[in-house]
Amino acid sequence: MPVSRGAAVLLAGVWLGLLVASWVAATASFRAVDRVLGPEMRPELSSRLAPLPADDRRIALRHLASEINRWMFARFGLAQIVLALCLVITAWPAGRAARGAVLAVVVVVLIQASLAPAIESLGRSIDFVPRPLPPDVGRRFGSLHGAFVLLDLSKAALLLLAALLLARLPLK
């Protein structure tokens, strides 16, 4: 396997792993809120949060989880632009099919980068809004977030396809 093709397969695999890890981390941060506030809440935390109503505790900790996720996804978004550039460079000589899959990944990354500011802004604006959200706001956030998630799933499939195409190319 030529060096650039091997590097491209490695990059696609690492990127795919980081993508799955980002999904796990984002989900875990919100689930941790329920776990920390649940029956297993540490007595020290319980006594410090006692002056706050239960709903306020949950909102504050969900806000923290949101901020952690926003920080993570902003940096990961930049990292994905760098990964995309590296993948294009290393996969370019591999042929039209692999190149097409990689370029499709780049398009997805750029679309997500254009959606990210709106998701972040709207997300911050609703962090302390009581639930359920007003229907129009809930629909807007749900649409933006849903589009981002579908694009992430598409990106994962395209990265897998690119890696498979790159790995299956005949040796020259």
C-alpha atoms as a PDB file:
ATOM      1  CA  MET A   1       0.000   0.000   0.000  1.00  0.00           C
ATOM      2  CA  PRO A   2       1.583   3.331  -1.005  1.00  0.00           C
ATOM      3  CA  VAL A   3       2.358   5.677   1.874  1.00  0.00           C
ATOM      4  CA  SER A   4      -0.276   8.273   0.988  1.00  0.00           C
ATOM      5  CA  ARG A   5      -2.960   5.624   0.645  1.00  0.00           C
ATOM      6  CA  GLY A   6      -1.963   3.993   3.934  1.00  0.00           C
ATOM      7  CA  ALA A   7      -1.972   7.417   5.591  1.00  0.00           C
ATOM      8  CA  ALA A   8      -5.406   8.127   4.127  1.00  0.00           C
ATOM      9  CA  VAL A   9      -6.815   4.849   5.484  1.00  0.00           C
ATOM     10  CA  LEU A  10      -5.299   5.613   8.893  1.00  0.00           C
ATOM     11  CA  LEU A  11      -6.681   9.172   8.877  1.00  0.00           C
ATOM     12  CA  ALA A  12     -10.156   7.979   7.908  1.00  0.00           C
ATOM     13  CA  GLY A  13     -10.079   5.364  10.662  1.00  0.00           C
ATOM     14  CA  VAL A  14      -8.828   7.758  13.330  1.00  0.00           C
ATOM     15  CA  TRP A  15     -11.421  10.336  12.269  1.00  0.00           C
ATOM     16  CA  LEU A  16     -14.193   7.767  12.395  1.00  0.00           C
ATOM     17  CA  GLY A  17     -13.070   6.730  15.884  1.00  0.00           C
ATOM     18  CA  LEU A  18     -12.986  10.354  17.068  1.00  0.00           C
ATOM     19  CA  LEU A  19     -16.441  10.903  15.608  1.00  0.00           C
ATOM     20  CA  VAL A  20     -17.912   7.961  17.518  1.00  0.00           C
ATOM     21  CA  ALA A  21     -16.070   9.102  20.667  1.00  0.00           C
ATOM     22  CA  SER A  22     -17.644  12.567  20.316  1.00  0.00           C
ATOM     23  CA  TRP A  23     -21.113  10.999  20.217  1.00  0.00           C
ATOM     24  CA  VAL A  24     -20.367   8.979  23.337  1.00  0.00           C
ATOM     25  CA  ALA A  25     -18.948  11.996  25.186  1.00  0.00           C
ATOM     26  CA  ALA A  26     -21.894  14.250  24.303  1.00  0.00           C
ATOM     27  CA  THR A  27     -24.405  11.634  25.405  1.00  0.00           C
ATOM     28  CA  ALA A  28     -22.477  10.799  28.579  1.00  0.00           C
ATOM     29  CA  SER A  29     -22.307  14.430  29.699  1.00  0.00           C
ATOM     30  CA  PHE A  30     -26.095  14.787  29.717  1.00  0.00           C
ATOM     31  CA  ARG A  31     -26.687  11.361  31.246  1.00  0.00           C
ATOM     32  CA  ALA A  32     -24.228  12.259  34.009  1.00  0.00           C
ATOM     33  CA  VAL A  33     -26.557  15.070  35.103  1.00  0.00           C
ATOM     34  CA  ASP A  34     -29.359  12.609  35.798  1.00  0.00           C
ATOM     35  CA  ARG A  35     -26.965  10.192  37.465  1.00  0.00           C
ATOM     36  CA  VAL A  36     -25.396  12.869  39.691  1.00  0.00           C
ATOM     37  CA  LEU A  37     -28.802  14.215  40.724  1.00  0.00           C
ATOM     38  CA  GLY A  38     -30.370  10.783  41.129  1.00  0.00           C
ATOM     39  CA  PRO A  39     -30.601   8.426  44.085  1.00  0.00           C
ATOM     40  CA  GLU A  40     -26.824   8.001  44.159  1.00  0.00           C
ATOM     41  CA  MET A  41     -26.221  11.727  44.722  1.00  0.00           C
ATOM     42  CA  ARG A  42     -23.284  12.252  47.038  1.00  0.00           C
ATOM     43  CA  PRO A  43     -24.301  13.731  50.400  1.00  0.00           C
ATOM     44  CA  GLU A  44     -21.769  16.561  49.991  1.00  0.00           C
ATOM     45  CA  LEU A  45     -23.360  17.634  46.734  1.00  0.00           C
ATOM     46  CA  SER A  46     -26.849  17.218  48.117  1.00  0.00           C
ATOM     47  CA  SER A  47     -26.119  19.548  51.047  1.00  0.00           C
ATOM     48  CA  ARG A  48     -24.559  22.200  48.784  1.00  0.00           C
ATOM     49  CA  LEU A  49     -27.447  22.087  46.325  1.00  0.00           C
ATOM     50  CA  ALA A  50     -30.164  21.886  49.011  1.00  0.00           C
ATOM     51  CA  PRO A  51     -30.999  25.631  48.835  1.00  0.00           C
ATOM     52  CA  LEU A  52     -31.870  25.268  45.136  1.00  0.00           C
ATOM     53  CA  PRO A  53     -35.145  23.809  43.901  1.00  0.00           C
ATOM     54  CA  ALA A  54     -34.702  20.469  42.117  1.00  0.00           C
ATOM     55  CA  ASP A  55     -35.557  21.985  38.715  1.00  0.00           C
ATOM     56  CA  ASP A  56     -32.876  24.669  39.144  1.00  0.00           C
ATOM     57  CA  ARG A  57     -30.272  22.059  40.054  1.00  0.00           C
ATOM     58  CA  ARG A  58     -31.020  20.129  36.906  1.00  0.00           C
ATOM     59  CA  ILE A  59     -31.017  23.245  34.702  1.00  0.00           C
ATOM     60  CA  ALA A  60     -27.665  24.403  36.126  1.00  0.00           C
ATOM     61  CA  LEU A  61     -25.988  21.037  35.606  1.00  0.00           C
ATOM     62  CA  ARG A  62     -27.487  20.617  32.128  1.00  0.00           C
ATOM     63  CA  HIS A  63     -26.131  24.069  31.295  1.00  0.00           C
ATOM     64  CA  LEU A  64     -22.683  22.872  32.397  1.00  0.00           C
ATOM     65  CA  ALA A  65     -23.024  19.752  30.215  1.00  0.00           C
ATOM     66  CA  SER A  66     -24.104  21.963  27.294  1.00  0.00           C
ATOM     67  CA  GLU A  67     -21.110  24.247  27.735  1.00  0.00           C
ATOM     68  CA  ILE A  68     -18.742  21.282  27.837  1.00  0.00           C
ATOM     69  CA  ASN A  69     -20.325  19.886  24.667  1.00  0.00           C
ATOM     70  CA  ARG A  70     -20.209  23.271  22.920  1.00  0.00           C
ATOM     71  CA  TRP A  71     -16.511  23.596  23.777  1.00  0.00           C
ATOM     72  CA  MET A  72     -15.805  20.053  22.599  1.00  0.00           C
ATOM     73  CA  PHE A  73     -17.728  20.354  19.332  1.00  0.00           C
ATOM     74  CA  ALA A  74     -16.201  23.755  18.475  1.00  0.00           C
ATOM     75  CA  ARG A  75     -12.684  22.340  18.781  1.00  0.00           C
ATOM     76  CA  PHE A  76     -13.624  19.098  17.087  1.00  0.00           C
ATOM     77  CA  GLY A  77     -15.170  21.088  14.226  1.00  0.00           C
ATOM     78  CA  LEU A  78     -11.841  22.848  13.649  1.00  0.00           C
ATOM     79  CA  ALA A  79      -9.974  19.561  13.956  1.00  0.00           C
ATOM     80  CA  GLN A  80     -12.276  18.008  11.346  1.00  0.00           C
ATOM     81  CA  ILE A  81     -11.454  20.773   8.873  1.00  0.00           C
ATOM     82  CA  VAL A  82      -7.760  19.941   9.345  1.00  0.00           C
ATOM     83  CA  LEU A  83      -8.493  16.204   9.072  1.00  0.00           C
ATOM     84  CA  ALA A  84     -10.474  16.850   5.885  1.00  0.00           C
ATOM     85  CA  LEU A  85      -7.589  18.741   4.321  1.00  0.00           C
ATOM     86  CA  CYS A  86      -5.120  15.993   5.284  1.00  0.00           C
ATOM     87  CA  LEU A  87      -7.449  13.292   3.990  1.00  0.00           C
ATOM     88  CA  VAL A  88      -7.903  15.068   0.652  1.00  0.00           C
ATOM     89  CA  ILE A  89      -4.136  15.404   0.255  1.00  0.00           C
ATOM     90  CA  THR A  90      -3.380  11.783   1.140  1.00  0.00           C
ATOM     91  CA  ALA A  91      -6.307  10.225  -0.732  1.00  0.00           C
ATOM     92  CA  TRP A  92      -6.126  12.341  -3.897  1.00  0.00           C
ATOM     93  CA  PRO A  93      -3.826   9.991  -5.818  1.00  0.00           C
ATOM     94  CA  ALA A  94      -5.991   6.974  -4.947  1.00  0.00           C
ATOM     95  CA  GLY A  95      -8.468   7.331  -7.777  1.00  0.00           C
ATOM     96  CA  ARG A  96     -11.863   8.747  -8.583  1.00  0.00           C
ATOM     97  CA  ALA A  97     -14.089   6.632  -6.304  1.00  0.00           C
ATOM     98  CA  ALA A  98     -12.030   7.194  -3.156  1.00  0.00           C
ATOM     99  CA  ARG A  99     -11.510  10.845  -4.044  1.00  0.00           C
ATOM    100  CA  GLY A 100     -15.277  11.278  -4.499  1.00  0.00           C
ATOM    101  CA  ALA A 101     -16.041   9.778  -1.088  1.00  0.00           C
ATOM    102  CA  VAL A 102     -13.424  12.016   0.539  1.00  0.00           C
ATOM    103  CA  LEU A 103     -14.741  15.120  -1.214  1.00  0.00           C
ATOM    104  CA  ALA A 104     -18.264  14.230  -0.050  1.00  0.00           C
ATOM    105  CA  VAL A 105     -16.916  14.106   3.531  1.00  0.00           C
ATOM    106  CA  VAL A 106     -15.442  17.582   3.008  1.00  0.00           C
ATOM    107  CA  VAL A 107     -18.811  18.895   1.833  1.00  0.00           C
ATOM    108  CA  VAL A 108     -20.499  17.467   4.939  1.00  0.00           C
ATOM    109  CA  VAL A 109     -17.867  19.055   7.205  1.00  0.00           C
ATOM    110  CA  LEU A 110     -18.383  22.447   5.555  1.00  0.00           C
ATOM    111  CA  ILE A 111     -22.173  22.220   5.853  1.00  0.00           C
ATOM    112  CA  GLN A 112     -21.817  21.327   9.539  1.00  0.00           C
ATOM    113  CA  ALA A 113     -19.428  24.245  10.042  1.00  0.00           C
ATOM    114  CA  SER A 114     -22.096  26.549   8.604  1.00  0.00           C
ATOM    115  CA  LEU A 115     -24.768  25.125  10.950  1.00  0.00           C
ATOM    116  CA  ALA A 116     -22.638  25.183  14.111  1.00  0.00           C
ATOM    117  CA  PRO A 117     -22.955  28.913  14.953  1.00  0.00           C
ATOM    118  CA  ALA A 118     -26.770  28.801  14.733  1.00  0.00           C
ATOM    119  CA  ILE A 119     -26.939  25.663  16.895  1.00  0.00           C
ATOM    120  CA  GLU A 120     -24.591  27.179  19.467  1.00  0.00           C
ATOM    121  CA  SER A 121     -26.432  30.502  19.605  1.00  0.00           C
ATOM    122  CA  LEU A 122     -29.886  28.959  19.825  1.00  0.00           C
ATOM    123  CA  GLY A 123     -28.661  26.374  22.331  1.00  0.00           C
ATOM    124  CA  ARG A 124     -27.299  29.078  24.635  1.00  0.00           C
ATOM    125  CA  SER A 125     -30.509  31.060  24.347  1.00  0.00           C
ATOM    126  CA  ILE A 126     -32.610  28.108  25.554  1.00  0.00           C
ATOM    127  CA  ASP A 127     -30.343  26.747  28.297  1.00  0.00           C
ATOM    128  CA  PHE A 128     -32.433  28.358  31.038  1.00  0.00           C
ATOM    129  CA  VAL A 129     -35.826  28.331  29.330  1.00  0.00           C
ATOM    130  CA  PRO A 130     -38.285  26.107  31.216  1.00  0.00           C
ATOM    131  CA  ARG A 131     -39.208  22.831  29.562  1.00  0.00           C
ATOM    132  CA  PRO A 132     -41.054  22.014  27.477  1.00  0.00           C
ATOM    133  CA  LEU A 133     -39.717  24.645  25.089  1.00  0.00           C
ATOM    134  CA  PRO A 134     -42.122  26.869  23.172  1.00  0.00           C
ATOM    135  CA  PRO A 135     -43.119  24.858  20.086  1.00  0.00           C
ATOM    136  CA  ASP A 136     -41.501  27.154  17.509  1.00  0.00           C
ATOM    137  CA  VAL A 137     -38.185  27.245  19.410  1.00  0.00           C
ATOM    138  CA  GLY A 138     -38.258  23.495  20.049  1.00  0.00           C
ATOM    139  CA  ARG A 139     -38.905  22.814  16.357  1.00  0.00           C
ATOM    140  CA  ARG A 140     -36.091  25.142  15.265  1.00  0.00           C
ATOM    141  CA  PHE A 141     -33.548  23.633  17.663  1.00  0.00           C
ATOM    142  CA  GLY A 142     -34.751  20.117  16.875  1.00  0.00           C
ATOM    143  CA  SER A 143     -34.397  20.756  13.144  1.00  0.00           C
ATOM    144  CA  LEU A 144     -30.906  22.212  13.450  1.00  0.00           C
ATOM    145  CA  HIS A 145     -29.697  19.529  15.845  1.00  0.00           C
ATOM    146  CA  GLY A 146     -31.369  16.768  13.829  1.00  0.00           C
ATOM    147  CA  ALA A 147     -29.745  18.002  10.619  1.00  0.00           C
ATOM    148  CA  PHE A 148     -26.352  18.058  12.338  1.00  0.00           C
ATOM    149  CA  VAL A 149     -26.813  14.512  13.652  1.00  0.00           C
ATOM    150  CA  LEU A 150     -27.930  13.212  10.238  1.00  0.00           C
ATOM    151  CA  LEU A 151     -24.918  14.885   8.665  1.00  0.00           C
ATOM    152  CA  ASP A 152     -22.685  13.254  11.304  1.00  0.00           C
ATOM    153  CA  LEU A 153     -24.139   9.840  10.469  1.00  0.00           C
ATOM    154  CA  SER A 154     -23.633  10.530   6.763  1.00  0.00           C
ATOM    155  CA  LYS A 155     -20.063  11.624   7.444  1.00  0.00           C
ATOM    156  CA  ALA A 156     -19.401   8.403   9.355  1.00  0.00           C
ATOM    157  CA  ALA A 157     -20.760   6.318   6.472  1.00  0.00           C
ATOM    158  CA  LEU A 158     -18.706   8.288   3.948  1.00  0.00           C
ATOM    159  CA  LEU A 159     -15.544   7.942   6.025  1.00  0.00           C
ATOM    160  CA  LEU A 160     -16.109   4.203   6.254  1.00  0.00           C
ATOM    161  CA  LEU A 161     -16.725   4.026   2.501  1.00  0.00           C
ATOM    162  CA  ALA A 162     -13.578   6.067   1.799  1.00  0.00           C
ATOM    163  CA  ALA A 163     -11.484   3.830   4.066  1.00  0.00           C
ATOM    164  CA  LEU A 164     -12.867   0.679   2.404  1.00  0.00           C
ATOM    165  CA  LEU A 165     -12.271   2.048  -1.080  1.00  0.00           C
ATOM    166  CA  LEU A 166      -8.750   3.101  -0.186  1.00  0.00           C
ATOM    167  CA  ALA A 167      -7.943  -0.224   1.466  1.00  0.00           C
ATOM    168  CA  ARG A 168      -9.298  -2.289  -1.448  1.00  0.00           C
ATOM    169  CA  LEU A 169      -7.407  -0.543  -4.204  1.00  0.00           C
ATOM    170  CA  PRO A 170      -5.078  -2.922  -6.034  1.00  0.00           C
ATOM    171  CA  LEU A 171      -1.395  -2.543  -5.242  1.00  0.00           C
ATOM    172  CA  LYS A 172       0.703  -1.104  -8.040  1.00  0.00           C
END
